[in-house]
Amino acid sequence: MENRTIRKLRGAVELVTDAVDAATTQAQRTHEALARRPYAVLSRIEPIAGPARAIESLQFAITAIAYGTVRAGNAIAGAVVTAAIDHLESGPTRPGAVRSRV
């Protein structure tokens, strides 16, 4: 495969993985900002303030895990595609042949 094509593929992978990571981070921030609103109100009502804070903490922990999982999946996908590009870049081989980088 041509070096120019390989460079374009690598650039596309980096662009997509960076975009997914940035979008995930922004979605998480927005999600958390919206979720804080009802908890702010509930935490002012003395009889339920304690349980509301506990539930809020639990929700934010679960949210962090969910968005972290999306980021991890994105990183894994990027690594797999990069490995595939590395394989393409090395060119065809026959059994027992040593691959050389161009």
Protein backbone atom coordinates (compact mmCIF):
# COMPACT_ATOMS: atom_id res chain seq x y z
CA MET A 1 0.00 0.00 0.00
CA GLU A 2 1.27 3.51 -0.77
CA ASN A 3 2.84 5.54 2.02
CA ARG A 4 0.46 8.42 1.31
CA THR A 5 -2.56 6.15 1.74
CA ILE A 6 -1.13 4.73 4.96
CA ARG A 7 -0.58 8.26 6.32
CA LYS A 8 -4.16 9.20 5.42
CA LEU A 9 -5.50 6.09 7.15
CA ARG A 10 -3.46 6.79 10.28
CA GLY A 11 -4.66 10.39 10.28
CA ALA A 12 -8.27 9.28 9.92
CA VAL A 13 -7.94 6.84 12.81
CA GLU A 14 -6.44 9.53 15.02
CA LEU A 15 -9.08 12.05 14.00
CA VAL A 16 -11.98 9.67 14.69
CA THR A 17 -10.64 8.40 18.02
CA ASP A 18 -9.90 11.96 19.17
CA ALA A 19 -13.39 13.09 18.09
CA VAL A 20 -15.11 10.21 19.89
CA ASP A 21 -13.07 10.90 23.03
CA ALA A 22 -13.86 14.63 22.95
CA ALA A 23 -17.56 14.03 22.27
CA THR A 24 -17.72 11.48 25.09
CA THR A 25 -16.08 13.91 27.51
CA GLN A 26 -18.50 16.68 26.55
CA ALA A 27 -21.50 14.36 26.80
CA GLN A 28 -20.38 13.28 30.27
CA ARG A 29 -19.95 16.90 31.42
CA THR A 30 -23.40 17.81 30.10
CA HIS A 31 -24.95 14.70 31.64
CA GLU A 32 -23.41 15.49 35.03
CA ALA A 33 -24.40 19.16 34.90
CA LEU A 34 -28.02 18.27 34.18
CA ALA A 35 -28.06 15.52 36.82
CA ARG A 36 -26.78 17.90 39.51
CA ARG A 37 -29.85 20.15 39.25
CA PRO A 38 -32.46 17.95 40.94
CA TYR A 39 -29.96 16.80 43.54
CA ALA A 40 -29.21 20.42 44.44
CA VAL A 41 -32.90 20.90 45.20
CA LEU A 42 -33.29 17.59 47.03
CA SER A 43 -30.22 18.20 49.19
CA ARG A 44 -31.97 21.28 50.67
CA ILE A 45 -34.88 19.19 51.97
CA GLU A 46 -33.58 18.00 55.33
CA PRO A 47 -35.42 14.65 55.68
CA ILE A 48 -34.15 13.42 52.28
CA ALA A 49 -30.88 15.34 51.96
CA GLY A 50 -28.69 12.46 53.16
CA PRO A 51 -30.22 9.77 50.95
CA ALA A 52 -30.28 12.20 48.00
CA ARG A 53 -26.53 12.83 48.36
CA ALA A 54 -25.86 9.09 48.58
CA ILE A 55 -27.91 8.40 45.46
CA GLU A 56 -26.20 11.29 43.66
CA SER A 57 -22.78 9.84 44.49
CA LEU A 58 -23.86 6.43 43.25
CA GLN A 59 -25.30 7.87 40.04
CA PHE A 60 -22.11 9.81 39.33
CA ALA A 61 -19.97 6.72 39.95
CA ILE A 62 -22.09 4.69 37.53
CA THR A 63 -22.01 7.52 35.00
CA ALA A 64 -18.21 7.71 35.23
CA ILE A 65 -17.95 3.96 34.65
CA ALA A 66 -20.27 4.12 31.64
CA TYR A 67 -18.43 6.97 29.95
CA GLY A 68 -15.08 5.41 30.88
CA THR A 69 -16.19 2.23 29.15
CA VAL A 70 -17.00 4.18 25.99
CA ARG A 71 -13.52 5.77 26.12
CA ALA A 72 -11.88 2.38 26.67
CA GLY A 73 -13.78 0.86 23.76
CA ASN A 74 -12.74 3.77 21.60
CA ALA A 75 -9.09 3.31 22.57
CA ILE A 76 -9.27 -0.43 21.87
CA ALA A 77 -10.93 0.14 18.50
CA GLY A 78 -8.25 2.69 17.60
CA ALA A 79 -5.50 0.27 18.61
CA VAL A 80 -7.02 -2.58 16.59
CA VAL A 81 -7.39 -0.43 13.48
CA THR A 82 -3.84 0.88 13.93
CA ALA A 83 -2.56 -2.71 14.16
CA ALA A 84 -4.45 -3.53 10.96
CA ILE A 85 -2.84 -0.54 9.24
CA ASP A 86 0.57 -1.67 10.50
CA HIS A 87 -0.12 -5.05 8.93
CA LEU A 88 -1.17 -3.46 5.63
CA GLU A 89 1.89 -1.24 5.66
CA SER A 90 4.24 -4.18 6.01
CA GLY A 91 2.93 -5.60 2.76
CA PRO A 92 2.24 -9.17 1.69
CA THR A 93 4.41 -11.96 3.05
CA ARG A 94 4.84 -15.59 2.36
CA PRO A 95 5.22 -18.17 5.14
CA GLY A 96 8.61 -17.86 6.79
CA ALA A 97 9.39 -14.51 5.13
CA VAL A 98 10.59 -11.58 7.19
CA ARG A 99 8.54 -8.42 6.82
CA SER A 100 10.32 -5.17 6.19
CA ARG A 101 8.96 -1.69 6.78
CA VAL A 102 8.89 0.71 3.85
